[in-house]
C-alpha cells in the first residue's frame, strides 16, 4: 500500500488516497508510457538511525500505508521511456517529435506543462511527470531522470477511501 501525500497527481490521485502497488509488474512485463509508478527518491538523503523499536514501528506503518517511508518515495506518470527524446513546447509534450495524447489531464493541467528543452532519456532511465502539472516536482525540475533500478512498482488500484476505490 502507498499513501498519496501530495496533490501532484490530482485528479488521478487525491491527497490521502491509498493505492496498491504491484511490485512484480515489471518482473514479468515492461514499463509503458502512461503507467503510474512508485519509485525511490533518485536523490536520497542520509537519515539518522531510528533505533530498533522506532525503526520497527515505522517499518510496520509503512507496510500498511499509514506512515511515510524514511526516505520519501514518489508516485508519477511515465511520459518518456529509455532512449526516447522528450521536449515540451508551448505546453505540449512531444516524444520523439510527436505530440503526446494525454487524456488523463484536465485542460488546466495541460496549460501548465510549461517548456522543457529537448533531451534524450538515458538508456537506464525514465522521464516522469505528475498529472497536476502546475504542482509537481518531477523530471522537469527537481527529480531529473528516474533510474530504472529505483522503480518499486506500478500503481494499479485505489483502495481508500471507498468512495474513490477503483483502477488507476
Protein backbone atom coordinates (compact mmCIF):
# COMPACT_ATOMS: atom_id res chain seq x y z
CA UNK A 1 0.00 0.00 0.00
CA UNK A 2 1.19 3.51 -0.79
CA UNK A 3 -0.21 6.71 0.75
CA UNK A 4 -0.62 9.77 -1.51
CA UNK A 5 0.91 12.66 0.44
CA UNK A 6 0.61 15.50 -2.08
CA UNK A 7 -1.56 16.90 -4.84
CA UNK A 8 0.97 16.24 -7.63
CA UNK A 9 -1.23 13.55 -9.24
CA UNK A 10 -4.63 15.28 -8.94
CA UNK A 11 -7.18 14.46 -10.37
CA UNK A 12 -6.00 10.88 -10.91
CA UNK A 13 -4.97 10.53 -7.26
CA UNK A 14 -6.08 12.80 -4.42
CA UNK A 15 -4.24 13.68 -1.22
CA UNK A 16 -4.96 10.91 1.30
CA UNK A 17 -5.72 8.22 -1.26
CA UNK A 18 -4.12 4.84 -0.69
CA UNK A 19 -3.14 2.72 -3.66
CA UNK A 20 -1.88 -0.81 -4.06
CA UNK A 21 1.40 -1.08 -5.91
CA UNK A 22 2.30 -4.21 -7.87
CA UNK A 23 6.00 -4.79 -7.15
CA UNK A 24 6.16 -7.72 -9.58
CA UNK A 25 4.60 -5.94 -12.59
CA UNK A 26 7.93 -5.13 -14.17
CA UNK A 27 9.49 -8.51 -13.43
CA UNK A 28 7.02 -10.02 -15.90
CA UNK A 29 6.34 -7.04 -18.18
CA UNK A 30 7.80 -3.77 -19.41
CA UNK A 31 7.20 -0.26 -18.18
CA UNK A 32 4.92 1.54 -20.62
CA UNK A 33 4.26 5.20 -21.30
CA UNK A 34 1.26 6.26 -19.23
CA UNK A 35 1.95 3.85 -16.34
CA UNK A 36 1.65 5.38 -12.88
CA UNK A 37 4.71 4.20 -10.99
CA UNK A 38 6.10 4.40 -7.48
CA UNK A 39 9.85 4.88 -7.25
CA UNK A 40 12.52 5.57 -4.67
CA UNK A 41 13.88 9.07 -4.36
CA UNK A 42 16.60 9.29 -7.03
CA UNK A 43 18.49 11.70 -4.73
CA UNK A 44 18.20 10.14 -1.23
CA UNK A 45 19.37 11.87 1.92
CA UNK A 46 21.42 10.41 4.75
CA UNK A 47 18.97 9.99 7.65
CA UNK A 48 19.73 9.39 11.33
CA UNK A 49 19.30 5.87 12.76
CA UNK A 50 15.80 5.42 14.27
CA UNK A 51 16.76 2.71 16.72
CA UNK A 52 15.32 -0.79 16.84
CA UNK A 53 11.86 -0.12 18.32
CA UNK A 54 11.12 3.11 16.41
CA UNK A 55 12.55 1.60 13.23
CA UNK A 56 10.30 -1.47 13.53
CA UNK A 57 7.18 0.60 14.25
CA UNK A 58 7.90 2.88 11.30
CA UNK A 59 8.52 -0.14 9.03
CA UNK A 60 5.20 -1.63 10.14
CA UNK A 61 3.39 1.67 9.49
CA UNK A 62 4.92 1.89 6.00
CA UNK A 63 3.74 -1.65 5.25
CA UNK A 64 0.10 -0.81 5.91
CA UNK A 65 0.33 2.59 4.24
CA UNK A 66 -0.11 4.85 7.27
CA UNK A 67 3.48 6.10 7.61
CA UNK A 68 5.74 7.84 5.14
CA UNK A 69 8.87 5.92 4.17
CA UNK A 70 12.07 7.04 5.88
CA UNK A 71 13.33 8.30 2.53
CA UNK A 72 10.39 9.56 0.56
CA UNK A 73 9.11 7.54 -2.36
CA UNK A 74 7.36 9.25 -5.26
CA UNK A 75 4.41 8.45 -7.50
CA UNK A 76 4.30 9.90 -11.02
CA UNK A 77 3.23 9.03 -14.55
CA UNK A 78 5.74 7.70 -17.10
CA UNK A 79 5.93 10.16 -20.01
CA UNK A 80 9.05 9.03 -21.88
CA UNK A 81 10.97 5.76 -21.94
CA UNK A 82 14.68 4.93 -22.18
CA UNK A 83 16.27 6.08 -25.44
CA UNK A 84 13.42 8.42 -26.38
CA UNK A 85 13.62 12.17 -26.93
CA UNK A 86 11.30 14.43 -24.91
CA UNK A 87 10.52 18.12 -25.30
CA UNK A 88 7.78 20.41 -24.01
CA UNK A 89 7.00 23.38 -26.21
CA UNK A 90 4.04 25.77 -25.81
CA UNK A 91 2.55 23.46 -23.15
CA UNK A 92 2.58 20.43 -25.50
CA UNK A 93 4.66 17.36 -24.62
CA UNK A 94 6.49 15.83 -27.58
CA UNK A 95 8.07 12.37 -27.51
CA UNK A 96 10.32 11.58 -30.45
CA UNK A 97 8.83 14.59 -32.26
CA UNK A 98 5.17 13.52 -31.93
CA UNK A 99 2.68 15.35 -29.69
CA UNK A 100 1.71 13.14 -26.76
CA UNK A 101 -2.00 12.45 -26.24
CA UNK A 102 -2.74 12.83 -22.51
CA UNK A 103 -6.46 12.18 -21.96
CA UNK A 104 -5.93 11.85 -18.19
CA UNK A 105 -5.09 15.59 -17.92
CA UNK A 106 -7.53 18.42 -17.46
CA UNK A 107 -7.26 21.43 -19.78
CA UNK A 108 -5.95 23.46 -16.83
CA UNK A 109 -3.18 20.92 -16.17
CA UNK A 110 -2.20 20.80 -19.85
CA UNK A 111 -1.88 24.59 -19.83
CA UNK A 112 0.74 24.25 -17.07
CA UNK A 113 3.15 21.92 -18.86
CA UNK A 114 5.46 24.86 -19.46
CA UNK A 115 8.50 24.45 -21.67
CA UNK A 116 11.31 21.92 -21.39
CA UNK A 117 14.27 21.77 -23.76
CA UNK A 118 14.69 18.72 -25.98
CA UNK A 119 16.57 15.97 -24.13
CA UNK A 120 17.33 12.33 -24.74
CA UNK A 121 16.35 9.91 -21.98
CA UNK A 122 19.34 7.76 -20.92
CA UNK A 123 19.05 4.03 -21.67
CA UNK A 124 18.68 3.26 -17.95
CA UNK A 125 16.13 5.96 -17.04
CA UNK A 126 12.59 7.31 -17.36
CA UNK A 127 11.06 10.77 -17.72
CA UNK A 128 8.11 11.19 -15.33
CA UNK A 129 5.57 13.92 -14.62
CA UNK A 130 2.73 14.42 -12.18
CA UNK A 131 -0.80 14.81 -13.57
CA UNK A 132 -1.14 18.12 -11.69
CA UNK A 133 1.46 19.79 -13.88
CA UNK A 134 1.48 23.12 -12.03
CA UNK A 135 2.11 21.44 -8.67
CA UNK A 136 4.54 18.60 -9.31
CA UNK A 137 8.25 18.19 -8.66
CA UNK A 138 9.06 15.80 -11.47
CA UNK A 139 11.59 15.16 -14.24
CA UNK A 140 11.20 18.73 -15.50
CA UNK A 141 12.68 20.10 -12.30
CA UNK A 142 13.80 18.60 -9.03
CA UNK A 143 13.82 14.88 -9.76
CA UNK A 144 15.51 14.70 -13.13
CA UNK A 145 15.52 11.36 -14.91
CA UNK A 146 14.44 8.36 -12.79
CA UNK A 147 16.83 5.39 -12.95
CA UNK A 148 15.07 2.12 -13.77
CA UNK A 149 16.61 0.48 -10.70
CA UNK A 150 14.71 2.96 -8.47
CA UNK A 151 11.27 1.81 -9.73
CA UNK A 152 9.37 -0.01 -6.98
CA UNK A 153 6.28 -0.96 -8.96
CA UNK A 154 3.11 0.01 -10.79
CA UNK A 155 0.16 1.61 -9.01
CA UNK A 156 -2.94 -0.24 -10.14
CA UNK A 157 -5.87 0.37 -7.77
CA UNK A 158 -7.10 2.97 -5.28
CA UNK A 159 -8.17 1.16 -2.12
CA UNK A 160 -9.00 4.13 0.12
CA UNK A 161 -11.22 6.00 0.54
CA UNK A 162 -14.01 3.64 -0.53
CA UNK A 163 -15.73 6.42 -2.49
CA UNK A 164 -12.69 6.60 -4.80
CA UNK A 165 -11.91 2.88 -4.97
CA UNK A 166 -11.10 1.63 -8.44
CA UNK A 167 -8.39 1.30 -11.05
CA UNK A 168 -5.64 3.86 -11.51
